[in-house]
Amino acid sequence: MPRVKTTRNTPSNKQVIPMPDATAVVAVRKNGGSATPTPIDLEAQIRERAYALYEERGCTPGQETEDWFRAEREVLARSNHQQTA
């Protein structure tokens, strides 16, 4: 005779952390007159630069991670330079 599968009713110790609401993040903050890009803006810039690097390599797959990290370094360096200027 086949066994019937039952669900477990034991409590889980895992905590669910909700993602922040995108509308709650302000696109640009003002710090003493200079605009500071938010993480959302930076991510979009990194994504665009990583895609440009991919295109520069002739659209060959296999180096997505390297493209992302290089783009991240470039965008963050540019952002940091703009904040100190």
PDB file of N, CA and C in Angstrom:
ATOM      1  N   MET A   1       0.853  -1.176   0.000  1.00  0.00           N
ATOM      2  CA  MET A   1       0.000   0.000   0.000  1.00  0.00           C
ATOM      3  C   MET A   1       0.900   1.242   0.000  1.00  0.00           C
ATOM      4  N   PRO A   2       0.650   2.236  -0.879  1.00  0.00           N
ATOM      5  CA  PRO A   2       1.486   3.421  -0.949  1.00  0.00           C
ATOM      6  C   PRO A   2       1.311   4.302   0.285  1.00  0.00           C
ATOM      7  N   ARG A   3       2.414   4.963   0.633  1.00  0.00           N
ATOM      8  CA  ARG A   3       2.389   5.861   1.784  1.00  0.00           C
ATOM      9  C   ARG A   3       1.902   7.243   1.341  1.00  0.00           C
ATOM     10  N   VAL A   4       1.172   7.872   2.205  1.00  0.00           N
ATOM     11  CA  VAL A   4       0.654   9.209   1.932  1.00  0.00           C
ATOM     12  C   VAL A   4       1.664  10.222   2.453  1.00  0.00           C
ATOM     13  N   LYS A   5       2.012  11.171   1.610  1.00  0.00           N
ATOM     14  CA  LYS A   5       2.941  12.217   2.033  1.00  0.00           C
ATOM     15  C   LYS A   5       2.179  13.273   2.827  1.00  0.00           C
ATOM     16  N   THR A   6       2.748  13.656   3.934  1.00  0.00           N
ATOM     17  CA  THR A   6       2.135  14.705   4.748  1.00  0.00           C
ATOM     18  C   THR A   6       3.105  15.865   4.869  1.00  0.00           C
ATOM     19  N   THR A   7       2.565  17.032   5.097  1.00  0.00           N
ATOM     20  CA  THR A   7       3.416  18.200   5.288  1.00  0.00           C
ATOM     21  C   THR A   7       3.827  18.280   6.738  1.00  0.00           C
ATOM     22  N   ARG A   8       4.991  18.817   6.940  1.00  0.00           N
ATOM     23  CA  ARG A   8       5.489  18.983   8.305  1.00  0.00           C
ATOM     24  C   ARG A   8       4.969  20.290   8.874  1.00  0.00           C
ATOM     25  N   ASN A   9       4.604  20.248  10.098  1.00  0.00           N
ATOM     26  CA  ASN A   9       4.118  21.453  10.769  1.00  0.00           C
ATOM     27  C   ASN A   9       5.115  21.956  11.796  1.00  0.00           C
ATOM     28  N   THR A  10       6.389  21.686  11.570  1.00  0.00           N
ATOM     29  CA  THR A  10       7.396  22.151  12.504  1.00  0.00           C
ATOM     30  C   THR A  10       7.774  23.584  12.161  1.00  0.00           C
ATOM     31  N   PRO A  11       7.981  24.406  13.168  1.00  0.00           N
ATOM     32  CA  PRO A  11       8.347  25.801  12.896  1.00  0.00           C
ATOM     33  C   PRO A  11       9.751  25.882  12.308  1.00  0.00           C
ATOM     34  N   SER A  12       9.936  26.831  11.422  1.00  0.00           N
ATOM     35  CA  SER A  12      11.226  27.032  10.780  1.00  0.00           C
ATOM     36  C   SER A  12      11.993  28.134  11.505  1.00  0.00           C
ATOM     37  N   ASN A  13      13.305  27.963  11.592  1.00  0.00           N
ATOM     38  CA  ASN A  13      14.142  28.992  12.213  1.00  0.00           C
ATOM     39  C   ASN A  13      14.610  30.024  11.197  1.00  0.00           C
ATOM     40  N   LYS A  14      14.230  29.856   9.948  1.00  0.00           N
ATOM     41  CA  LYS A  14      14.654  30.791   8.908  1.00  0.00           C
ATOM     42  C   LYS A  14      13.849  32.073   9.004  1.00  0.00           C
ATOM     43  N   GLN A  15      14.575  33.190   8.839  1.00  0.00           N
ATOM     44  CA  GLN A  15      13.936  34.493   8.878  1.00  0.00           C
ATOM     45  C   GLN A  15      13.852  35.037   7.462  1.00  0.00           C
ATOM     46  N   VAL A  16      12.739  35.588   7.101  1.00  0.00           N
ATOM     47  CA  VAL A  16      12.569  36.179   5.785  1.00  0.00           C
ATOM     48  C   VAL A  16      12.769  37.675   5.922  1.00  0.00           C
ATOM     49  N   ILE A  17      13.711  38.194   5.131  1.00  0.00           N
ATOM     50  CA  ILE A  17      13.990  39.624   5.157  1.00  0.00           C
ATOM     51  C   ILE A  17      13.449  40.206   3.863  1.00  0.00           C
ATOM     52  N   PRO A  18      12.500  41.132   3.950  1.00  0.00           N
ATOM     53  CA  PRO A  18      11.911  41.689   2.732  1.00  0.00           C
ATOM     54  C   PRO A  18      12.879  42.623   2.022  1.00  0.00           C
ATOM     55  N   MET A  19      12.747  42.688   0.702  1.00  0.00           N
ATOM     56  CA  MET A  19      13.539  43.621  -0.095  1.00  0.00           C
ATOM     57  C   MET A  19      13.000  45.028   0.146  1.00  0.00           C
ATOM     58  N   PRO A  20      13.878  46.025   0.106  1.00  0.00           N
ATOM     59  CA  PRO A  20      13.385  47.390   0.280  1.00  0.00           C
ATOM     60  C   PRO A  20      12.522  47.800  -0.903  1.00  0.00           C
ATOM     61  N   ASP A  21      11.561  48.628  -0.621  1.00  0.00           N
ATOM     62  CA  ASP A  21      10.659  49.114  -1.650  1.00  0.00           C
ATOM     63  C   ASP A  21      11.414  50.096  -2.541  1.00  0.00           C
ATOM     64  N   ALA A  22      11.381  49.868  -3.831  1.00  0.00           N
ATOM     65  CA  ALA A  22      12.123  50.716  -4.766  1.00  0.00           C
ATOM     66  C   ALA A  22      11.623  52.154  -4.745  1.00  0.00           C
ATOM     67  N   THR A  23      10.362  52.359  -4.440  1.00  0.00           N
ATOM     68  CA  THR A  23       9.839  53.722  -4.408  1.00  0.00           C
ATOM     69  C   THR A  23      10.299  54.471  -3.169  1.00  0.00           C
ATOM     70  N   ALA A  24      10.812  53.743  -2.180  1.00  0.00           N
ATOM     71  CA  ALA A  24      11.265  54.392  -0.960  1.00  0.00           C
ATOM     72  C   ALA A  24      12.665  54.981  -1.114  1.00  0.00           C
ATOM     73  N   VAL A  25      13.366  54.591  -2.179  1.00  0.00           N
ATOM     74  CA  VAL A  25      14.725  55.080  -2.390  1.00  0.00           C
ATOM     75  C   VAL A  25      14.658  56.330  -3.248  1.00  0.00           C
ATOM     76  N   VAL A  26      15.267  57.377  -2.782  1.00  0.00           N
ATOM     77  CA  VAL A  26      15.287  58.640  -3.507  1.00  0.00           C
ATOM     78  C   VAL A  26      16.364  58.545  -4.584  1.00  0.00           C
ATOM     79  N   ALA A  27      16.066  58.997  -5.780  1.00  0.00           N
ATOM     80  CA  ALA A  27      16.996  58.864  -6.897  1.00  0.00           C
ATOM     81  C   ALA A  27      18.297  59.632  -6.660  1.00  0.00           C
ATOM     82  N   VAL A  28      18.204  60.828  -6.097  1.00  0.00           N
ATOM     83  CA  VAL A  28      19.409  61.626  -5.846  1.00  0.00           C
ATOM     84  C   VAL A  28      19.275  62.288  -4.493  1.00  0.00           C
ATOM     85  N   ARG A  29      20.339  62.196  -3.690  1.00  0.00           N
ATOM     86  CA  ARG A  29      20.368  62.870  -2.399  1.00  0.00           C
ATOM     87  C   ARG A  29      21.247  64.093  -2.506  1.00  0.00           C
ATOM     88  N   LYS A  30      20.929  65.097  -1.795  1.00  0.00           N
ATOM     89  CA  LYS A  30      21.736  66.305  -1.794  1.00  0.00           C
ATOM     90  C   LYS A  30      22.634  66.297  -0.566  1.00  0.00           C
ATOM     91  N   ASN A  31      23.948  66.405  -0.786  1.00  0.00           N
ATOM     92  CA  ASN A  31      24.928  66.482   0.296  1.00  0.00           C
ATOM     93  C   ASN A  31      25.751  67.748   0.100  1.00  0.00           C
ATOM     94  N   GLY A  32      25.381  68.778   0.791  1.00  0.00           N
ATOM     95  CA  GLY A  32      26.139  70.010   0.699  1.00  0.00           C
ATOM     96  C   GLY A  32      26.200  70.561  -0.723  1.00  0.00           C
ATOM     97  N   GLY A  33      25.146  70.410  -1.490  1.00  0.00           N
ATOM     98  CA  GLY A  33      25.116  70.951  -2.840  1.00  0.00           C
ATOM     99  C   GLY A  33      25.542  69.972  -3.913  1.00  0.00           C
ATOM    100  N   SER A  34      26.167  68.843  -3.553  1.00  0.00           N
ATOM    101  CA  SER A  34      26.565  67.874  -4.582  1.00  0.00           C
ATOM    102  C   SER A  34      25.594  66.707  -4.588  1.00  0.00           C
ATOM    103  N   ALA A  35      25.251  66.253  -5.764  1.00  0.00           N
ATOM    104  CA  ALA A  35      24.317  65.137  -5.899  1.00  0.00           C
ATOM    105  C   ALA A  35      25.085  63.825  -5.793  1.00  0.00           C
ATOM    106  N   THR A  36      24.592  62.900  -4.985  1.00  0.00           N
ATOM    107  CA  THR A  36      25.204  61.597  -4.805  1.00  0.00           C
ATOM    108  C   THR A  36      24.293  60.542  -5.408  1.00  0.00           C
ATOM    109  N   PRO A  37      24.797  59.753  -6.370  1.00  0.00           N
ATOM    110  CA  PRO A  37      23.939  58.721  -6.954  1.00  0.00           C
ATOM    111  C   PRO A  37      23.618  57.640  -5.931  1.00  0.00           C
ATOM    112  N   THR A  38      22.410  57.124  -5.992  1.00  0.00           N
ATOM    113  CA  THR A  38      21.987  56.064  -5.088  1.00  0.00           C
ATOM    114  C   THR A  38      22.421  54.723  -5.639  1.00  0.00           C
ATOM    115  N   PRO A  39      22.321  53.671  -4.819  1.00  0.00           N
ATOM    116  CA  PRO A  39      22.677  52.337  -5.308  1.00  0.00           C
ATOM    117  C   PRO A  39      21.905  51.925  -6.556  1.00  0.00           C
ATOM    118  N   ILE A  40      20.657  52.388  -6.692  1.00  0.00           N
ATOM    119  CA  ILE A  40      19.871  52.029  -7.868  1.00  0.00           C
ATOM    120  C   ILE A  40      20.500  52.654  -9.109  1.00  0.00           C
ATOM    121  N   ASP A  41      20.882  53.924  -9.037  1.00  0.00           N
ATOM    122  CA  ASP A  41      21.529  54.583 -10.168  1.00  0.00           C
ATOM    123  C   ASP A  41      22.851  53.922 -10.492  1.00  0.00           C
ATOM    124  N   LEU A  42      23.626  53.605  -9.465  1.00  0.00           N
ATOM    125  CA  LEU A  42      24.921  52.975  -9.680  1.00  0.00           C
ATOM    126  C   LEU A  42      24.757  51.608 -10.340  1.00  0.00           C
ATOM    127  N   GLU A  43      23.768  50.844  -9.911  1.00  0.00           N
ATOM    128  CA  GLU A  43      23.560  49.526 -10.509  1.00  0.00           C
ATOM    129  C   GLU A  43      23.220  49.653 -11.987  1.00  0.00           C
ATOM    130  N   ALA A  44      22.404  50.619 -12.345  1.00  0.00           N
ATOM    131  CA  ALA A  44      22.054  50.823 -13.750  1.00  0.00           C
ATOM    132  C   ALA A  44      23.287  51.217 -14.552  1.00  0.00           C
ATOM    133  N   GLN A  45      24.125  52.073 -13.994  1.00  0.00           N
ATOM    134  CA  GLN A  45      25.348  52.490 -14.677  1.00  0.00           C
ATOM    135  C   GLN A  45      26.306  51.311 -14.837  1.00  0.00           C
ATOM    136  N   ILE A  46      26.418  50.490 -13.804  1.00  0.00           N
ATOM    137  CA  ILE A  46      27.292  49.315 -13.863  1.00  0.00           C
ATOM    138  C   ILE A  46      26.780  48.350 -14.927  1.00  0.00           C
ATOM    139  N   ARG A  47      25.476  48.130 -14.938  1.00  0.00           N
ATOM    140  CA  ARG A  47      24.877  47.223 -15.923  1.00  0.00           C
ATOM    141  C   ARG A  47      25.161  47.705 -17.345  1.00  0.00           C
ATOM    142  N   GLU A  48      24.987  49.008 -17.574  1.00  0.00           N
ATOM    143  CA  GLU A  48      25.228  49.562 -18.908  1.00  0.00           C
ATOM    144  C   GLU A  48      26.696  49.434 -19.298  1.00  0.00           C
ATOM    145  N   ARG A  49      27.600  49.713 -18.363  1.00  0.00           N
ATOM    146  CA  ARG A  49      29.038  49.628 -18.667  1.00  0.00           C
ATOM    147  C   ARG A  49      29.451  48.174 -18.908  1.00  0.00           C
ATOM    148  N   ALA A  50      28.910  47.245 -18.120  1.00  0.00           N
ATOM    149  CA  ALA A  50      29.234  45.830 -18.310  1.00  0.00           C
ATOM    150  C   ALA A  50      28.773  45.364 -19.689  1.00  0.00           C
ATOM    151  N   TYR A  51      27.628  45.831 -20.130  1.00  0.00           N
ATOM    152  CA  TYR A  51      27.140  45.458 -21.459  1.00  0.00           C
ATOM    153  C   TYR A  51      28.031  46.060 -22.538  1.00  0.00           C
ATOM    154  N   ALA A  52      28.497  47.287 -22.326  1.00  0.00           N
ATOM    155  CA  ALA A  52      29.403  47.920 -23.288  1.00  0.00           C
ATOM    156  C   ALA A  52      30.710  47.123 -23.380  1.00  0.00           C
ATOM    157  N   LEU A  53      31.208  46.662 -22.249  1.00  0.00           N
ATOM    158  CA  LEU A  53      32.424  45.834 -22.251  1.00  0.00           C
ATOM    159  C   LEU A  53      32.186  44.535 -23.016  1.00  0.00           C
ATOM    160  N   TYR A  54      31.018  43.943 -22.823  1.00  0.00           N
ATOM    161  CA  TYR A  54      30.647  42.723 -23.540  1.00  0.00           C
ATOM    162  C   TYR A  54      30.645  42.984 -25.050  1.00  0.00           C
ATOM    163  N   GLU A  55      30.082  44.114 -25.455  1.00  0.00           N
ATOM    164  CA  GLU A  55      30.055  44.454 -26.871  1.00  0.00           C
ATOM    165  C   GLU A  55      31.462  44.713 -27.409  1.00  0.00           C
ATOM    166  N   GLU A  56      32.316  45.356 -26.590  1.00  0.00           N
ATOM    167  CA  GLU A  56      33.691  45.630 -26.996  1.00  0.00           C
ATOM    168  C   GLU A  56      34.475  44.334 -27.227  1.00  0.00           C
ATOM    169  N   ARG A  57      34.110  43.275 -26.520  1.00  0.00           N
ATOM    170  CA  ARG A  57      34.769  41.983 -26.687  1.00  0.00           C
ATOM    171  C   ARG A  57      34.183  41.200 -27.860  1.00  0.00           C
ATOM    172  N   GLY A  58      33.277  41.799 -28.605  1.00  0.00           N
ATOM    173  CA  GLY A  58      32.688  41.120 -29.750  1.00  0.00           C
ATOM    174  C   GLY A  58      31.502  40.250 -29.387  1.00  0.00           C
ATOM    175  N   CYS A  59      30.857  40.531 -28.278  1.00  0.00           N
ATOM    176  CA  CYS A  59      29.666  39.806 -27.823  1.00  0.00           C
ATOM    177  C   CYS A  59      29.923  38.310 -27.617  1.00  0.00           C
ATOM    178  N   THR A  60      31.138  37.984 -27.207  1.00  0.00           N
ATOM    179  CA  THR A  60      31.444  36.581 -26.929  1.00  0.00           C
ATOM    180  C   THR A  60      31.104  36.261 -25.482  1.00  0.00           C
ATOM    181  N   PRO A  61      30.380  35.176 -25.242  1.00  0.00           N
ATOM    182  CA  PRO A  61      29.994  34.819 -23.871  1.00  0.00           C
ATOM    183  C   PRO A  61      31.159  34.221 -23.087  1.00  0.00           C
ATOM    184  N   GLY A  62      30.975  34.157 -21.780  1.00  0.00           N
ATOM    185  CA  GLY A  62      31.929  33.466 -20.924  1.00  0.00           C
ATOM    186  C   GLY A  62      32.714  34.353 -19.979  1.00  0.00           C
ATOM    187  N   GLN A  63      32.606  35.663 -20.125  1.00  0.00           N
ATOM    188  CA  GLN A  63      33.354  36.562 -19.241  1.00  0.00           C
ATOM    189  C   GLN A  63      32.439  37.584 -18.591  1.00  0.00           C
ATOM    190  N   GLU A  64      31.208  37.179 -18.335  1.00  0.00           N
ATOM    191  CA  GLU A  64      30.217  38.091 -17.770  1.00  0.00           C
ATOM    192  C   GLU A  64      30.639  38.616 -16.399  1.00  0.00           C
ATOM    193  N   THR A  65      31.174  37.724 -15.584  1.00  0.00           N
ATOM    194  CA  THR A  65      31.580  38.122 -14.226  1.00  0.00           C
ATOM    195  C   THR A  65      32.708  39.135 -14.273  1.00  0.00           C
ATOM    196  N   GLU A  66      33.695  38.890 -15.126  1.00  0.00           N
ATOM    197  CA  GLU A  66      34.810  39.817 -15.259  1.00  0.00           C
ATOM    198  C   GLU A  66      34.329  41.175 -15.764  1.00  0.00           C
ATOM    199  N   ASP A  67      33.405  41.152 -16.738  1.00  0.00           N
ATOM    200  CA  ASP A  67      32.846  42.406 -17.249  1.00  0.00           C
ATOM    201  C   ASP A  67      32.133  43.173 -16.143  1.00  0.00           C
ATOM    202  N   TRP A  68      31.355  42.450 -15.330  1.00  0.00           N
ATOM    203  CA  TRP A  68      30.602  43.106 -14.253  1.00  0.00           C
ATOM    204  C   TRP A  68      31.552  43.738 -13.238  1.00  0.00           C
ATOM    205  N   PHE A  69      32.567  42.989 -12.805  1.00  0.00           N
ATOM    206  CA  PHE A  69      33.482  43.524 -11.795  1.00  0.00           C
ATOM    207  C   PHE A  69      34.292  44.700 -12.331  1.00  0.00           C
ATOM    208  N   ARG A  70      34.706  44.622 -13.597  1.00  0.00           N
ATOM    209  CA  ARG A  70      35.442  45.746 -14.189  1.00  0.00           C
ATOM    210  C   ARG A  70      34.541  46.974 -14.274  1.00  0.00           C
ATOM    211  N   ALA A  71      33.314  46.772 -14.724  1.00  0.00           N
ATOM    212  CA  ALA A  71      32.360  47.879 -14.819  1.00  0.00           C
ATOM    213  C   ALA A  71      32.094  48.476 -13.443  1.00  0.00           C
ATOM    214  N   GLU A  72      31.957  47.607 -12.453  1.00  0.00           N
ATOM    215  CA  GLU A  72      31.714  48.076 -11.079  1.00  0.00           C
ATOM    216  C   GLU A  72      32.869  48.941 -10.597  1.00  0.00           C
ATOM    217  N   ARG A  73      34.101  48.486 -10.821  1.00  0.00           N
ATOM    218  CA  ARG A  73      35.272  49.279 -10.406  1.00  0.00           C
ATOM    219  C   ARG A  73      35.280  50.635 -11.099  1.00  0.00           C
ATOM    220  N   GLU A  74      35.033  50.635 -12.413  1.00  0.00           N
ATOM    221  CA  GLU A  74      35.067  51.889 -13.169  1.00  0.00           C
ATOM    222  C   GLU A  74      33.984  52.868 -12.718  1.00  0.00           C
ATOM    223  N   VAL A  75      32.778  52.370 -12.562  1.00  0.00           N
ATOM    224  CA  VAL A  75      31.660  53.248 -12.182  1.00  0.00           C
ATOM    225  C   VAL A  75      31.856  53.783 -10.767  1.00  0.00           C
ATOM    226  N   LEU A  76      32.265  52.913  -9.837  1.00  0.00           N
ATOM    227  CA  LEU A  76      32.474  53.369  -8.465  1.00  0.00           C
ATOM    228  C   LEU A  76      33.628  54.349  -8.371  1.00  0.00           C
ATOM    229  N   ALA A  77      34.698  54.130  -9.127  1.00  0.00           N
ATOM    230  CA  ALA A  77      35.827  55.065  -9.127  1.00  0.00           C
ATOM    231  C   ALA A  77      35.383  56.420  -9.664  1.00  0.00           C
ATOM    232  N   ARG A  78      34.589  56.408 -10.752  1.00  0.00           N
ATOM    233  CA  ARG A  78      34.082  57.652 -11.323  1.00  0.00           C
ATOM    234  C   ARG A  78      33.154  58.360 -10.330  1.00  0.00           C
ATOM    235  N   SER A  79      32.305  57.583  -9.645  1.00  0.00           N
ATOM    236  CA  SER A  79      31.387  58.155  -8.659  1.00  0.00           C
ATOM    237  C   SER A  79      32.149  58.772  -7.487  1.00  0.00           C
ATOM    238  N   ASN A  80      33.146  58.063  -6.999  1.00  0.00           N
ATOM    239  CA  ASN A  80      33.943  58.575  -5.883  1.00  0.00           C
ATOM    240  C   ASN A  80      34.712  59.826  -6.288  1.00  0.00           C
ATOM    241  N   HIS A  81      35.212  59.847  -7.518  1.00  0.00           N
ATOM    242  CA  HIS A  81      35.950  61.011  -7.999  1.00  0.00           C
ATOM    243  C   HIS A  81      35.026  62.226  -8.104  1.00  0.00           C
ATOM    244  N   GLN A  82      33.805  62.029  -8.555  1.00  0.00           N
ATOM    245  CA  GLN A  82      32.841  63.114  -8.666  1.00  0.00           C
ATOM    246  C   GLN A  82      32.442  63.652  -7.305  1.00  0.00           C
ATOM    247  N   GLN A  83      32.366  62.772  -6.310  1.00  0.00           N
ATOM    248  CA  GLN A  83      31.961  63.202  -4.962  1.00  0.00           C
ATOM    249  C   GLN A  83      33.048  64.041  -4.310  1.00  0.00           C
ATOM    250  N   THR A  84      34.322  63.753  -4.595  1.00  0.00           N
ATOM    251  CA  THR A  84      35.401  64.511  -3.967  1.00  0.00           C
ATOM    252  C   THR A  84      35.715  65.784  -4.718  1.00  0.00           C
ATOM    253  N   ALA A  85      35.259  65.880  -5.958  1.00  0.00           N
ATOM    254  CA  ALA A  85      35.555  67.078  -6.767  1.00  0.00           C
ATOM    255  C   ALA A  85      34.638  68.222  -6.417  1.00  0.00           C
TER     256      ALA A  85
END
